[in-house]
Each structure stands twice: as structure tokens, then as C-alpha cells.
Protein backbone atom coordinates (compact mmCIF):
# COMPACT_ATOMS: atom_id res chain seq x y z
CA UNK A 1 0.00 0.00 0.00
CA UNK A 2 1.28 3.44 -0.91
CA UNK A 3 1.73 6.02 1.83
CA UNK A 4 -0.78 8.85 1.95
CA UNK A 5 0.89 12.16 1.21
CA UNK A 6 -0.80 15.56 1.33
CA UNK A 7 1.56 18.06 -0.26
CA UNK A 8 1.30 21.74 0.64
CA UNK A 9 2.75 24.48 -1.54
CA UNK A 10 3.72 27.76 0.06
CA UNK A 11 4.13 30.53 -2.47
CA UNK A 12 6.12 33.27 -0.78
CA UNK A 13 6.12 35.83 -3.58
CA UNK A 14 3.07 37.91 -4.49
CA UNK A 15 4.42 38.28 -8.04
CA UNK A 16 4.00 34.57 -8.84
CA UNK A 17 0.87 33.84 -10.88
CA UNK A 18 1.75 30.28 -11.89
CA UNK A 19 4.38 27.72 -11.05
CA UNK A 20 5.33 24.30 -12.42
CA UNK A 21 6.13 21.54 -9.94
CA UNK A 22 8.07 18.47 -11.00
CA UNK A 23 7.58 15.27 -9.01
CA UNK A 24 9.81 12.20 -9.27
CA UNK A 25 8.90 8.91 -7.61
CA UNK A 26 11.31 5.98 -7.27
CA UNK A 27 10.62 2.47 -6.01
CA UNK A 28 12.91 0.12 -4.07
CA UNK A 29 14.33 -1.55 -7.22
CA UNK A 30 15.27 1.71 -8.91
CA UNK A 31 12.36 2.24 -11.30
CA UNK A 32 11.23 5.83 -11.42
CA UNK A 33 8.77 8.16 -13.11
CA UNK A 34 8.60 11.92 -13.38
CA UNK A 35 5.61 14.16 -13.92
CA UNK A 36 4.86 17.87 -14.03
CA UNK A 37 1.87 19.85 -12.83
CA UNK A 38 1.22 23.52 -13.48
CA UNK A 39 -0.47 25.38 -10.64
CA UNK A 40 -2.22 28.65 -11.45
CA UNK A 41 -2.56 31.05 -8.52
CA UNK A 42 -5.83 32.98 -8.33
CA UNK A 43 -5.92 36.01 -6.08
CA UNK A 44 -9.66 36.07 -5.76
CA UNK A 45 -12.46 34.43 -3.85
CA UNK A 46 -14.09 31.48 -5.64
CA UNK A 47 -16.05 32.75 -8.61
CA UNK A 48 -17.31 32.29 -12.13
CA UNK A 49 -16.01 34.41 -14.97
CA UNK A 50 -17.94 34.25 -18.23
CA UNK A 51 -17.28 35.98 -21.56
CA UNK A 52 -20.14 37.91 -23.13
CA UNK A 53 -19.50 36.95 -26.78
CA UNK A 54 -17.80 34.38 -28.99
CA UNK A 55 -17.13 33.84 -32.69
CA UNK A 56 -17.18 30.12 -33.62
CA UNK A 57 -15.48 30.58 -37.01
CA UNK A 58 -12.40 28.34 -36.45
CA UNK A 59 -9.90 31.21 -36.62
CA UNK A 60 -8.40 30.25 -33.27
CA UNK A 61 -9.75 33.33 -31.47
CA UNK A 62 -12.85 33.16 -29.25
CA UNK A 63 -14.07 30.02 -31.06
CA UNK A 64 -15.64 28.48 -27.95
CA UNK A 65 -17.55 29.72 -24.94
CA UNK A 66 -17.57 28.41 -21.41
CA UNK A 67 -17.00 29.54 -17.86
CA UNK A 68 -13.62 30.17 -16.30
CA UNK A 69 -13.96 28.81 -12.79
CA UNK A 70 -11.66 30.25 -10.14
CA UNK A 71 -11.18 28.36 -6.89
CA UNK A 72 -13.60 25.54 -7.64
CA UNK A 73 -13.87 22.11 -6.12
CA UNK A 74 -16.31 20.86 -8.76
CA UNK A 75 -18.51 22.02 -11.61
CA UNK A 76 -22.15 21.05 -11.14
CA UNK A 77 -23.19 22.19 -14.63
CA UNK A 78 -22.87 24.73 -17.43
CA UNK A 79 -25.99 25.07 -19.59
CA UNK A 80 -26.51 27.25 -22.66
CA UNK A 81 -30.03 27.99 -23.94
CA UNK A 82 -31.23 29.29 -27.30
CA UNK A 83 -33.67 32.25 -27.47
CA UNK A 84 -36.62 29.81 -27.14
CA UNK A 85 -35.35 28.33 -23.87
CA UNK A 86 -34.14 25.04 -25.30
CA UNK A 87 -30.87 23.62 -23.91
CA UNK A 88 -28.31 23.68 -26.73
CA UNK A 89 -25.28 22.71 -24.62
CA UNK A 90 -24.82 21.01 -21.25
CA UNK A 91 -21.68 19.83 -19.48
CA UNK A 92 -20.58 18.86 -16.00
CA UNK A 93 -16.90 18.72 -17.02
CA UNK A 94 -14.66 21.59 -16.02
CA UNK A 95 -12.93 23.30 -18.96
CA UNK A 96 -15.33 21.81 -21.53
CA UNK A 97 -16.70 24.57 -23.74
CA UNK A 98 -19.37 24.97 -26.40
CA UNK A 99 -18.24 25.23 -30.03
CA UNK A 100 -21.53 26.83 -31.11
CA UNK A 101 -22.84 23.80 -32.98
CA UNK A 102 -26.52 22.84 -32.83
CA UNK A 103 -27.63 19.74 -34.72
CA UNK A 104 -24.37 19.68 -36.70
CA UNK A 105 -24.70 23.31 -37.87
CA UNK A 106 -23.79 26.77 -36.69
CA UNK A 107 -26.91 28.68 -35.67
CA UNK A 108 -27.68 32.22 -36.78
CA UNK A 109 -25.95 34.97 -34.83
CA UNK A 110 -27.83 36.07 -31.76
CA UNK A 111 -28.18 36.08 -28.00
CA UNK A 112 -28.05 32.99 -25.81
CA UNK A 113 -28.66 32.55 -22.09
CA UNK A 114 -26.50 30.53 -19.70
CA UNK A 115 -26.47 29.24 -16.15
CA UNK A 116 -23.42 27.88 -14.35
CA UNK A 117 -23.26 26.25 -10.94
CA UNK A 118 -20.15 25.15 -9.09
CA UNK A 119 -18.93 24.30 -5.64
CA UNK A 120 -16.10 26.52 -4.46
CA UNK A 121 -13.12 25.38 -2.44
CA UNK A 122 -14.98 26.64 0.63
CA UNK A 123 -17.76 24.09 -0.05
CA UNK A 124 -20.33 26.78 -0.85
CA UNK A 125 -22.42 26.48 -4.03
CA UNK A 126 -21.95 29.39 -6.42
CA UNK A 127 -24.13 30.06 -9.45
CA UNK A 128 -24.23 32.67 -12.18
CA UNK A 129 -26.79 33.45 -14.88
CA UNK A 130 -26.46 35.75 -17.83
CA UNK A 131 -26.32 36.03 -21.58
CA UNK A 132 -23.74 36.00 -24.35
CA UNK A 133 -23.80 36.72 -28.06
CA UNK A 134 -22.79 34.42 -30.91
CA UNK A 135 -21.14 36.63 -33.53
CA UNK A 136 -20.17 35.64 -37.07
């Protein structure tokens, strides 16, 4: 059985906004593995940041829309609705965004409504509702 380890990172500089940690593990017969993890430091309380427009035209700029979740423990859901109230996108996976496709096609430009709910690192549920525009 592997030992339980709870690492703690202390970032002593206020100018650091991200840091990459490298971890190497070695067993008793000399086999080892190395991995990296990038930690992004948010200087905010847990929250949901959502863009107000996107352009799904495959130019590599603002092609998708989804929430940026700061200080979350888990994403409950992100839902996008068309102007008639129908759900056009739903995910419970953090960092999964909508590419603007409905039924295999791009819809006409216009306004959409969203709702996002998450659980912050404090354990409190946080939700946000609003609208965004699909621009072509």
C-alpha cells in the first residue's frame, strides 16, 4: 500500500501567478517516473467568470464559450439555452466549452442565455446566470 501524502505548496512571492512543480517517484528496485503539474494562482475568492460573446469561425480566437472557474472544487453544470429556452449545450466537465454547434450546424448569430453552478473550495455552491452573443 502506498503512503498517503498531502503536499502543501507555500508561495512566498506575491508576483508569482503560476508555477510548475516536478515530481519524481522511485521504487525500491530503482524504477522511477517523473511528472509535471502547473499550478495557477488565483488572487480572488471562488467565482465564475464568463465571456459575453464568442465567434465560432475556427480562426483560433474566441471560437468556444464556457466559464472560467476560479477556486472551484467541482462544476455542477454549465448550460446554454437558445432564445426559445431550449438547452443547446450542457456539461458537467470543467474546462469543456461549447463550439456553437446545434444539430451539426452553426446557428444564426444572436443572443443565448446561460447558467453555471459550481462548488467553491470553501464548499459553498456558487451560481451565475447571464447572456452571451454568438457573432459571425
